[in-house]
Amino acid sequence: MLPNTGKLAGCTVFITGASRGIGKAIALKAAKDGANIVIAAKTAQAHPKLAGTIYSAAEEIKAAGGKALPCVVDVRDEQQISSAVEKAVEKFGGIDILVNNASAISLTNTLETPTKKVDLMMNVNTRGTYLTSKACIPYLKKSKIAHILNLSPPLNLNPLWFKQHCAYTIAKYGMSLCVLGMAEEFKGEIAVNALWPKTAIHTAAMDMLGGSGIESQCRKVDIIADAAYCIFKKPKSFTGNFIIDENILKEEGIKNFDVYAITPGHPLLPDFFLDEQPVIVTKKPETHGALPELKEEEAQPSPKPRSGAVEGTFRIVKDSLSDDVVKATQAIYQFELSGEDGGTWFLDLKSKGGNVGYGEPSDRADVVMSMSTDDFVKMFSGKLKPTIAFMSGRLKIKGNMALAIKLEKLMNQMNARL
């Protein structure tokens, strides 16, 4: 873990989405120096599924040694942003650092993303970042520290990152484009940078995306907080950078990254927008901004798919079918499997009693899933979550996303038998 230096004592840090997760972790790290934290977030009342409010975060910030100003802010509302900025300046005398952390996510393809979700992501991620920056910039210009930090990815135009969740990618890249433009526009006055994790970070959002058990493949929010702290210590001339958390911490001399792991030694899930296959990757020399490397089980070669494993899996799936399962699902799934024992397979959960088999289904599939045979077996036996396989590029999905999610729920019921 990165030690505190006290450099942020008395500085005012304005953080959007700071009531929980990454935003709160950055707030607490700065608070240990004695910083003033403006908690600009929506949650004023406790959420049934998500822990933390702006007021509980304020108590934690005070306990860590900082001062706190909780403000109800939905970054889609320009008036709420302006009001929070005015309160911050009135209470603390200015703003030294802005962290644009608030973000919305929906991992759905073009036809399955409702307009309401498109608007939410564009308005929170891109527009919210732009408007919050605009409101803070007049005060940041007066600061000796003057940093804007967006929690957004490197601009990677590999079509892979647009194909399955185009709207989300556009909205996140909008935040990164703000870095590109504002770093140049305010060069010499304000440092503007982006920070992105090399691996998945364990937050409430990740729990919702990956389900229970996903945390073992994630790192703690502390790694982002430490990386952000490194950036805040840099001069204003350090600007226009797209920083990966692990790389900047290596430059600071951090060598042991197990301290950031939820489950030390467990393989980690690479984050979005970093071109890396989530299988065994050998160590290679690092460069600034390098892509992530992954470890599988210690010193174990990648297992080859067992002969007949897919057929065996489908046999167990067939035995698990019932009229109730068919009635609850009402979908036909087609699997395009690569590797030994692969080919085209189907799972028909529309016909009476259900059916499985080799080849294409008699009726058009609602969902087509493409993956390796090994990953297919892992997925149905509960060793690989479909959401995670999809996020990391191991699973390609065409068709109805809602029905794909239904299959994941069905798999969870079958796991005990597989």
Protein backbone atom coordinates (compact mmCIF):
# COMPACT_ATOMS: atom_id res chain seq x y z
CA MET A 1 0.00 0.00 0.00
CA LEU A 2 1.17 3.53 -0.76
CA PRO A 3 1.98 5.60 2.35
CA ASN A 4 0.43 9.05 2.81
CA THR A 5 2.72 12.07 2.58
CA GLY A 6 0.47 14.81 3.98
CA LYS A 7 0.73 16.72 0.70
CA LEU A 8 -3.06 17.11 0.35
CA ALA A 9 -3.53 18.67 3.82
CA GLY A 10 -5.99 21.57 3.53
CA CYS A 11 -6.70 20.87 -0.17
CA THR A 12 -10.31 20.68 -1.35
CA VAL A 13 -11.20 17.61 -3.41
CA PHE A 14 -14.57 17.56 -5.22
CA ILE A 15 -15.56 13.93 -6.00
CA THR A 16 -18.65 12.81 -7.90
CA GLY A 17 -20.14 9.46 -6.89
CA ALA A 18 -18.20 9.49 -3.61
CA SER A 19 -20.80 7.85 -1.35
CA ARG A 20 -19.38 4.36 -2.01
CA GLY A 21 -16.89 2.30 -4.01
CA ILE A 22 -13.98 3.88 -5.86
CA GLY A 23 -15.10 7.47 -5.23
CA LYS A 24 -15.25 6.95 -1.47
CA ALA A 25 -11.89 5.12 -1.45
CA ILE A 26 -10.21 8.10 -3.17
CA ALA A 27 -11.93 10.41 -0.66
CA LEU A 28 -10.66 8.42 2.34
CA LYS A 29 -7.09 8.32 0.99
CA ALA A 30 -7.07 12.13 0.62
CA ALA A 31 -8.79 12.54 4.01
CA LYS A 32 -5.86 10.79 5.73
CA ASP A 33 -3.74 13.80 4.68
CA GLY A 34 -6.33 16.16 6.19
CA ALA A 35 -8.00 17.15 2.90
CA ASN A 36 -11.45 18.72 2.58
CA ILE A 37 -13.76 16.39 0.66
CA VAL A 38 -16.88 17.44 -1.21
CA ILE A 39 -19.04 14.31 -1.53
CA ALA A 40 -21.12 15.04 -4.65
CA ALA A 41 -23.41 12.04 -5.00
CA LYS A 42 -27.08 11.11 -5.36
CA THR A 43 -27.59 8.86 -2.36
CA ALA A 44 -29.02 10.83 0.55
CA GLN A 45 -31.11 7.91 1.87
CA ALA A 46 -29.90 4.34 2.30
CA HIS A 47 -30.46 2.11 -0.74
CA PRO A 48 -31.84 -1.40 -0.06
CA LYS A 49 -29.09 -3.08 -2.15
CA LEU A 50 -26.23 -0.57 -2.05
CA ALA A 51 -24.48 0.39 1.17
CA GLY A 52 -23.57 4.00 1.92
CA THR A 53 -24.99 7.51 1.67
CA ILE A 54 -23.32 10.91 1.34
CA TYR A 55 -23.77 11.29 5.11
CA SER A 56 -22.25 7.92 6.12
CA ALA A 57 -19.33 8.68 3.74
CA ALA A 58 -18.92 12.08 5.45
CA GLU A 59 -18.62 10.37 8.86
CA GLU A 60 -15.93 8.01 7.53
CA ILE A 61 -14.03 10.93 5.97
CA LYS A 62 -14.05 12.83 9.28
CA ALA A 63 -12.92 9.70 11.15
CA ALA A 64 -9.99 9.36 8.66
CA GLY A 65 -8.83 12.91 9.46
CA GLY A 66 -10.47 15.02 6.76
CA LYS A 67 -13.29 17.55 6.59
CA ALA A 68 -16.44 16.65 4.68
CA LEU A 69 -19.19 18.47 2.84
CA PRO A 70 -21.96 16.09 1.70
CA CYS A 71 -23.96 17.46 -1.26
CA VAL A 72 -26.87 15.82 -3.05
CA VAL A 73 -25.75 15.89 -6.68
CA ASP A 74 -27.14 14.10 -9.72
CA VAL A 75 -24.55 15.02 -12.34
CA ARG A 76 -27.34 15.11 -14.96
CA ASP A 77 -28.65 18.25 -13.23
CA GLU A 78 -26.53 21.32 -13.99
CA GLN A 79 -28.18 23.31 -11.18
CA GLN A 80 -27.27 20.69 -8.58
CA ILE A 81 -23.65 20.70 -9.80
CA SER A 82 -23.46 24.53 -9.63
CA SER A 83 -25.02 24.59 -6.17
CA ALA A 84 -22.51 22.03 -4.82
CA VAL A 85 -19.58 23.95 -6.32
CA GLU A 86 -20.82 27.20 -4.73
CA LYS A 87 -21.22 25.48 -1.32
CA ALA A 88 -17.71 24.01 -1.61
CA VAL A 89 -16.13 27.37 -2.38
CA GLU A 90 -18.11 29.07 0.38
CA LYS A 91 -17.11 26.46 2.98
CA PHE A 92 -13.52 25.68 1.97
CA GLY A 93 -12.47 28.78 -0.03
CA GLY A 94 -11.87 27.05 -3.37
CA ILE A 95 -11.44 23.76 -5.24
CA ASP A 96 -8.05 22.14 -5.85
CA ILE A 97 -8.91 18.73 -7.32
CA LEU A 98 -11.91 17.39 -9.23
CA VAL A 99 -12.51 13.64 -9.55
CA ASN A 100 -15.13 12.69 -12.16
CA ASN A 101 -16.05 9.24 -10.87
CA ALA A 102 -19.86 9.09 -11.27
CA SER A 103 -20.74 6.62 -14.01
CA ALA A 104 -23.60 4.48 -15.37
CA ILE A 105 -23.20 1.11 -17.08
CA SER A 106 -25.35 -1.19 -19.21
CA LEU A 107 -23.57 -4.03 -21.02
CA THR A 108 -26.16 -4.46 -23.76
CA ASN A 109 -25.87 -4.39 -27.53
CA THR A 110 -27.50 -1.81 -29.79
CA LEU A 111 -30.92 -3.39 -30.26
CA GLU A 112 -31.21 -4.42 -26.61
CA THR A 113 -30.29 -1.03 -25.09
CA PRO A 114 -33.44 1.01 -24.33
CA THR A 115 -33.26 4.72 -25.17
CA LYS A 116 -33.69 5.48 -21.47
CA LYS A 117 -30.44 3.58 -20.72
CA VAL A 118 -28.62 5.26 -23.62
CA ASP A 119 -29.63 8.68 -22.27
CA LEU A 120 -28.63 7.72 -18.71
CA MET A 121 -25.11 6.65 -19.77
CA MET A 122 -24.53 9.61 -22.07
CA ASN A 123 -25.87 12.10 -19.50
CA VAL A 124 -24.05 10.71 -16.47
CA ASN A 125 -20.75 9.66 -18.04
CA THR A 126 -20.01 12.14 -20.82
CA ARG A 127 -22.28 15.13 -20.16
CA GLY A 128 -21.95 14.89 -16.36
CA THR A 129 -18.15 14.84 -16.57
CA TYR A 130 -18.16 17.79 -18.98
CA LEU A 131 -20.55 19.93 -16.91
CA THR A 132 -18.88 19.20 -13.56
CA SER A 133 -15.49 20.05 -15.07
CA LYS A 134 -16.89 23.26 -16.55
CA ALA A 135 -18.31 24.33 -13.17
CA CYS A 136 -15.06 23.62 -11.29
CA ILE A 137 -12.52 24.97 -13.81
CA PRO A 138 -12.78 28.68 -12.80
CA TYR A 139 -11.77 27.69 -9.24
CA LEU A 140 -9.22 25.06 -10.28
CA LYS A 141 -7.42 27.76 -12.30
CA LYS A 142 -6.73 29.60 -9.02
CA SER A 143 -5.25 26.51 -7.31
CA LYS A 144 -1.56 25.68 -7.02
CA ILE A 145 -2.39 21.97 -7.32
CA ALA A 146 -5.17 22.06 -9.97
CA HIS A 147 -6.01 18.51 -11.07
CA ILE A 148 -8.95 16.99 -12.91
CA LEU A 149 -9.01 13.19 -12.82
CA ASN A 150 -11.56 11.23 -14.85
CA LEU A 151 -12.15 7.55 -14.05
CA SER A 152 -12.17 6.59 -17.72
CA PRO A 153 -10.26 4.28 -20.06
CA PRO A 154 -7.49 4.72 -22.62
CA LEU A 155 -9.02 5.45 -26.04
CA ASN A 156 -8.80 2.05 -27.68
CA LEU A 157 -10.51 1.85 -31.08
CA ASN A 158 -10.43 -1.94 -31.34
CA PRO A 159 -13.98 -2.76 -32.58
CA LEU A 160 -14.17 -5.54 -29.97
CA TRP A 161 -14.90 -2.91 -27.32
CA PHE A 162 -17.77 -1.41 -29.31
CA LYS A 163 -19.34 -4.58 -30.66
CA GLN A 164 -21.19 -5.86 -27.58
CA HIS A 165 -21.91 -2.63 -25.67
CA CYS A 166 -21.64 0.26 -28.12
CA ALA A 167 -23.60 2.82 -26.06
CA TYR A 168 -21.59 2.19 -22.88
CA THR A 169 -18.29 2.44 -24.77
CA ILE A 170 -19.28 5.74 -26.41
CA ALA A 171 -20.34 7.16 -23.04
CA LYS A 172 -17.11 6.11 -21.28
CA TYR A 173 -14.94 7.28 -24.17
CA GLY A 174 -16.73 10.64 -23.93
CA MET A 175 -15.13 11.02 -20.51
CA SER A 176 -11.74 10.18 -22.03
CA LEU A 177 -12.26 12.68 -24.84
CA CYS A 178 -12.81 15.34 -22.16
CA VAL A 179 -9.28 14.50 -20.93
CA LEU A 180 -7.88 14.78 -24.44
CA GLY A 181 -9.49 18.17 -25.09
CA MET A 182 -9.27 19.83 -21.67
CA ALA A 183 -5.65 18.79 -21.06
CA GLU A 184 -4.69 20.74 -24.18
CA GLU A 185 -7.10 23.62 -23.55
CA PHE A 186 -5.89 24.25 -19.98
CA LYS A 187 -2.24 23.25 -20.41
CA GLY A 188 -0.07 25.00 -17.81
CA GLU A 189 -3.11 25.82 -15.65
CA ILE A 190 -4.77 22.50 -14.80
CA ALA A 191 -3.50 18.92 -15.05
CA VAL A 192 -6.20 16.77 -16.69
CA ASN A 193 -5.71 12.99 -16.68
CA ALA A 194 -7.59 9.69 -16.87
CA LEU A 195 -7.15 6.70 -14.56
CA TRP A 196 -8.29 3.15 -15.33
CA PRO A 197 -7.76 -0.17 -13.54
CA LYS A 198 -5.72 -2.95 -15.06
CA THR A 199 -8.00 -5.55 -13.48
CA ALA A 200 -11.60 -5.63 -12.31
CA ILE A 201 -12.18 -3.75 -9.04
CA HIS A 202 -14.53 -5.16 -6.42
CA THR A 203 -17.44 -2.73 -6.04
CA ALA A 204 -21.22 -3.04 -5.65
CA ALA A 205 -21.49 -2.55 -9.43
CA MET A 206 -19.14 -5.48 -10.04
CA ASP A 207 -21.21 -7.66 -7.69
CA MET A 208 -24.30 -6.84 -9.74
CA LEU A 209 -22.52 -7.56 -13.04
CA GLY A 210 -20.73 -10.72 -12.01
CA GLY A 211 -22.79 -12.11 -9.16
CA SER A 212 -21.57 -13.70 -5.95
CA GLY A 213 -18.07 -15.15 -6.04
CA ILE A 214 -16.78 -12.58 -8.56
CA GLU A 215 -14.79 -10.80 -5.83
CA SER A 216 -12.05 -13.47 -5.87
CA GLN A 217 -11.12 -12.30 -9.39
CA CYS A 218 -10.99 -8.62 -8.37
CA ARG A 219 -8.74 -6.17 -6.59
CA LYS A 220 -9.75 -3.85 -3.76
CA VAL A 221 -10.73 -0.22 -4.41
CA ASP A 222 -7.55 0.75 -2.51
CA ILE A 223 -5.42 0.27 -5.63
CA ILE A 224 -7.36 3.00 -7.46
CA ALA A 225 -7.19 5.29 -4.41
CA ASP A 226 -3.42 4.84 -4.19
CA ALA A 227 -2.98 5.43 -7.94
CA ALA A 228 -5.14 8.59 -7.78
CA TYR A 229 -3.04 9.83 -4.85
CA CYS A 230 0.13 9.36 -6.96
CA ILE A 231 -1.41 11.49 -9.70
CA PHE A 232 -2.45 14.28 -7.30
CA LYS A 233 1.18 14.56 -6.15
CA LYS A 234 2.34 15.25 -9.71
CA PRO A 235 2.88 18.81 -11.02
CA LYS A 236 0.41 20.57 -13.38
CA SER A 237 2.76 19.70 -16.25
CA PHE A 238 1.74 16.04 -15.83
CA THR A 239 -1.31 16.23 -18.07
CA GLY A 240 -3.15 14.49 -20.90
CA ASN A 241 -2.18 11.01 -19.66
CA PHE A 242 -4.26 7.83 -19.74
CA ILE A 243 -2.89 6.03 -16.72
CA ILE A 244 -3.26 2.37 -15.73
CA ASP A 245 -3.31 1.96 -11.94
CA GLU A 246 -0.67 -0.75 -11.66
CA ASN A 247 1.81 1.01 -13.93
CA ILE A 248 1.92 4.28 -11.98
CA LEU A 249 2.23 2.39 -8.70
CA LYS A 250 5.17 0.41 -10.10
CA GLU A 251 6.83 3.74 -10.89
CA GLU A 252 6.31 4.68 -7.24
CA GLY A 253 8.20 1.54 -6.21
CA ILE A 254 5.26 -0.68 -5.27
CA LYS A 255 6.26 -4.29 -5.91
CA ASN A 256 3.76 -6.38 -3.94
CA PHE A 257 0.34 -6.20 -5.61
CA ASP A 258 -1.06 -9.13 -3.62
CA VAL A 259 -1.97 -6.60 -0.90
CA TYR A 260 -4.59 -5.19 -3.29
CA ALA A 261 -6.10 -8.57 -4.19
CA ILE A 262 -9.35 -9.72 -2.58
CA THR A 263 -7.99 -13.28 -2.85
CA PRO A 264 -4.16 -13.15 -3.16
CA GLY A 265 -2.80 -15.52 -5.81
CA HIS A 266 -6.14 -16.00 -7.56
CA PRO A 267 -6.28 -15.23 -11.33
CA LEU A 268 -7.53 -11.69 -11.92
CA LEU A 269 -10.07 -10.51 -14.45
CA PRO A 270 -8.71 -7.88 -16.87
CA ASP A 271 -10.82 -4.74 -17.10
CA PHE A 272 -12.62 -3.46 -20.20
CA PHE A 273 -10.86 -1.62 -23.03
CA LEU A 274 -7.46 -3.26 -22.46
CA ASP A 275 -6.54 -5.64 -25.27
CA GLU A 276 -5.61 -8.80 -23.43
CA GLN A 277 -6.88 -12.32 -23.72
CA PRO A 278 -8.15 -13.57 -20.34
CA VAL A 279 -6.18 -16.81 -20.52
CA ILE A 280 -2.60 -17.64 -19.56
CA VAL A 281 -0.32 -14.76 -20.53
CA THR A 282 3.39 -14.95 -19.93
CA LYS A 283 5.27 -12.13 -18.25
CA LYS A 284 6.57 -9.57 -20.68
CA PRO A 285 8.51 -6.33 -20.21
CA GLU A 286 6.26 -3.47 -19.02
CA THR A 287 6.08 -0.10 -20.64
CA HIS A 288 4.17 2.92 -19.33
CA GLY A 289 0.55 2.28 -20.24
CA ALA A 290 1.22 -1.39 -20.98
CA LEU A 291 -1.58 -3.89 -21.22
CA PRO A 292 -2.43 -6.29 -18.41
CA GLU A 293 -1.00 -9.73 -17.95
CA LEU A 294 -2.88 -12.56 -16.27
CA LYS A 295 -1.95 -15.64 -14.29
CA GLU A 296 -3.98 -18.83 -14.31
CA GLU A 297 -3.73 -21.41 -11.52
CA GLU A 298 -0.10 -21.50 -10.35
CA ALA A 299 2.20 -23.31 -12.80
CA GLN A 300 -0.70 -25.21 -14.37
CA PRO A 301 -0.82 -25.50 -18.16
CA SER A 302 -4.14 -24.64 -19.77
CA PRO A 303 -6.26 -27.81 -19.56
CA LYS A 304 -7.39 -29.29 -22.85
CA PRO A 305 -11.10 -29.91 -23.24
CA ARG A 306 -11.93 -33.45 -22.20
CA SER A 307 -13.15 -35.71 -24.98
CA GLY A 308 -16.93 -35.95 -24.80
CA ALA A 309 -17.17 -33.28 -22.06
CA VAL A 310 -19.62 -31.17 -24.05
CA GLU A 311 -21.79 -34.17 -24.86
CA GLY A 312 -21.70 -35.19 -21.19
CA THR A 313 -22.69 -31.70 -20.11
CA PHE A 314 -25.64 -31.63 -22.52
CA ARG A 315 -26.73 -35.06 -21.28
CA ILE A 316 -26.94 -33.73 -17.70
CA VAL A 317 -28.68 -30.55 -18.94
CA LYS A 318 -31.27 -32.72 -20.76
CA ASP A 319 -31.94 -34.70 -17.58
CA SER A 320 -32.54 -31.39 -15.75
CA LEU A 321 -35.21 -30.16 -18.18
CA SER A 322 -38.89 -30.00 -17.31
CA ASP A 323 -42.06 -28.32 -18.50
CA ASP A 324 -41.63 -25.77 -15.71
CA VAL A 325 -38.12 -24.84 -16.92
CA VAL A 326 -39.41 -24.51 -20.50
CA LYS A 327 -42.38 -22.43 -19.39
CA ALA A 328 -40.14 -20.10 -17.34
CA THR A 329 -37.53 -19.64 -20.12
CA GLN A 330 -39.24 -19.75 -23.55
CA ALA A 331 -36.07 -19.47 -25.62
CA ILE A 332 -33.90 -21.42 -28.05
CA TYR A 333 -30.13 -21.24 -27.55
CA GLN A 334 -27.51 -22.14 -30.14
CA PHE A 335 -23.88 -22.75 -29.14
CA GLU A 336 -21.00 -22.36 -31.60
CA LEU A 337 -18.15 -24.17 -29.87
CA SER A 338 -14.53 -24.15 -31.00
CA GLY A 339 -11.98 -26.81 -30.17
CA GLU A 340 -12.15 -30.53 -29.48
CA ASP A 341 -15.70 -31.89 -29.10
CA GLY A 342 -16.98 -28.61 -30.54
CA GLY A 343 -19.28 -27.68 -33.39
CA THR A 344 -22.86 -26.41 -33.32
CA TRP A 345 -25.15 -27.49 -30.46
CA PHE A 346 -28.57 -26.32 -29.32
CA LEU A 347 -30.73 -26.06 -26.21
CA ASP A 348 -34.45 -25.76 -27.01
CA LEU A 349 -36.42 -24.37 -24.10
CA LYS A 350 -39.55 -23.57 -26.13
CA SER A 351 -40.76 -27.01 -27.18
CA LYS A 352 -42.73 -29.14 -24.69
CA GLY A 353 -40.36 -30.72 -22.18
CA GLY A 354 -37.34 -29.08 -23.81
CA ASN A 355 -34.64 -30.63 -25.96
CA VAL A 356 -30.88 -30.54 -26.55
CA GLY A 357 -28.72 -31.86 -29.35
CA TYR A 358 -25.90 -31.58 -31.86
CA GLY A 359 -26.46 -29.35 -34.91
CA GLU A 360 -28.73 -26.39 -35.48
CA PRO A 361 -32.16 -26.17 -33.79
CA SER A 362 -35.28 -26.78 -35.92
CA ASP A 363 -36.49 -23.23 -35.22
CA ARG A 364 -34.40 -20.05 -35.33
CA ALA A 365 -32.32 -19.50 -32.19
CA ASP A 366 -33.14 -16.51 -29.97
CA VAL A 367 -29.57 -16.40 -28.67
CA VAL A 368 -26.34 -17.59 -30.32
CA MET A 369 -23.34 -18.04 -28.01
CA SER A 370 -19.80 -18.57 -29.32
CA MET A 371 -16.99 -19.83 -27.08
CA SER A 372 -14.45 -22.62 -26.62
CA THR A 373 -15.60 -26.09 -25.54
CA ASP A 374 -13.54 -25.78 -22.36
CA ASP A 375 -15.21 -22.51 -21.40
CA PHE A 376 -18.63 -24.00 -22.21
CA VAL A 377 -18.07 -26.85 -19.75
CA LYS A 378 -16.71 -24.42 -17.12
CA MET A 379 -19.72 -22.15 -17.62
CA PHE A 380 -22.31 -24.88 -17.13
CA SER A 381 -20.47 -26.32 -14.11
CA GLY A 382 -20.34 -22.91 -12.38
CA LYS A 383 -16.57 -22.38 -12.71
CA LEU A 384 -16.96 -19.49 -15.16
CA LYS A 385 -19.76 -16.94 -14.93
CA PRO A 386 -21.33 -16.10 -18.32
CA THR A 387 -21.34 -12.36 -17.50
CA ILE A 388 -17.61 -12.46 -16.82
CA ALA A 389 -16.89 -14.59 -19.89
CA PHE A 390 -18.82 -12.04 -21.96
CA MET A 391 -17.12 -9.00 -20.38
CA SER A 392 -13.67 -10.43 -21.00
CA GLY A 393 -14.28 -11.50 -24.60
CA ARG A 394 -14.32 -15.27 -24.03
CA LEU A 395 -18.04 -15.44 -24.80
CA LYS A 396 -19.67 -13.75 -27.82
CA ILE A 397 -23.44 -13.31 -27.72
CA LYS A 398 -25.80 -12.53 -30.60
CA GLY A 399 -29.51 -12.06 -30.07
CA ASN A 400 -31.70 -11.30 -27.08
CA MET A 401 -29.58 -10.28 -24.06
CA ALA A 402 -32.48 -10.67 -21.62
CA LEU A 403 -32.85 -14.32 -22.67
CA ALA A 404 -29.09 -14.81 -22.33
CA ILE A 405 -29.37 -13.61 -18.72
CA LYS A 406 -32.26 -16.08 -18.19
CA LEU A 407 -29.92 -18.90 -19.23
CA GLU A 408 -27.38 -17.76 -16.62
CA LYS A 409 -30.03 -18.08 -13.91
CA LEU A 410 -30.90 -21.55 -15.21
CA MET A 411 -27.23 -22.57 -15.13
CA ASN A 412 -27.02 -21.53 -11.47
CA GLN A 413 -29.81 -24.01 -10.70
CA MET A 414 -28.00 -26.78 -12.62
CA ASN A 415 -24.50 -26.20 -11.18
CA ALA A 416 -24.93 -28.67 -8.35
CA ARG A 417 -25.46 -31.51 -10.83
CA LEU A 418 -22.65 -30.62 -13.25
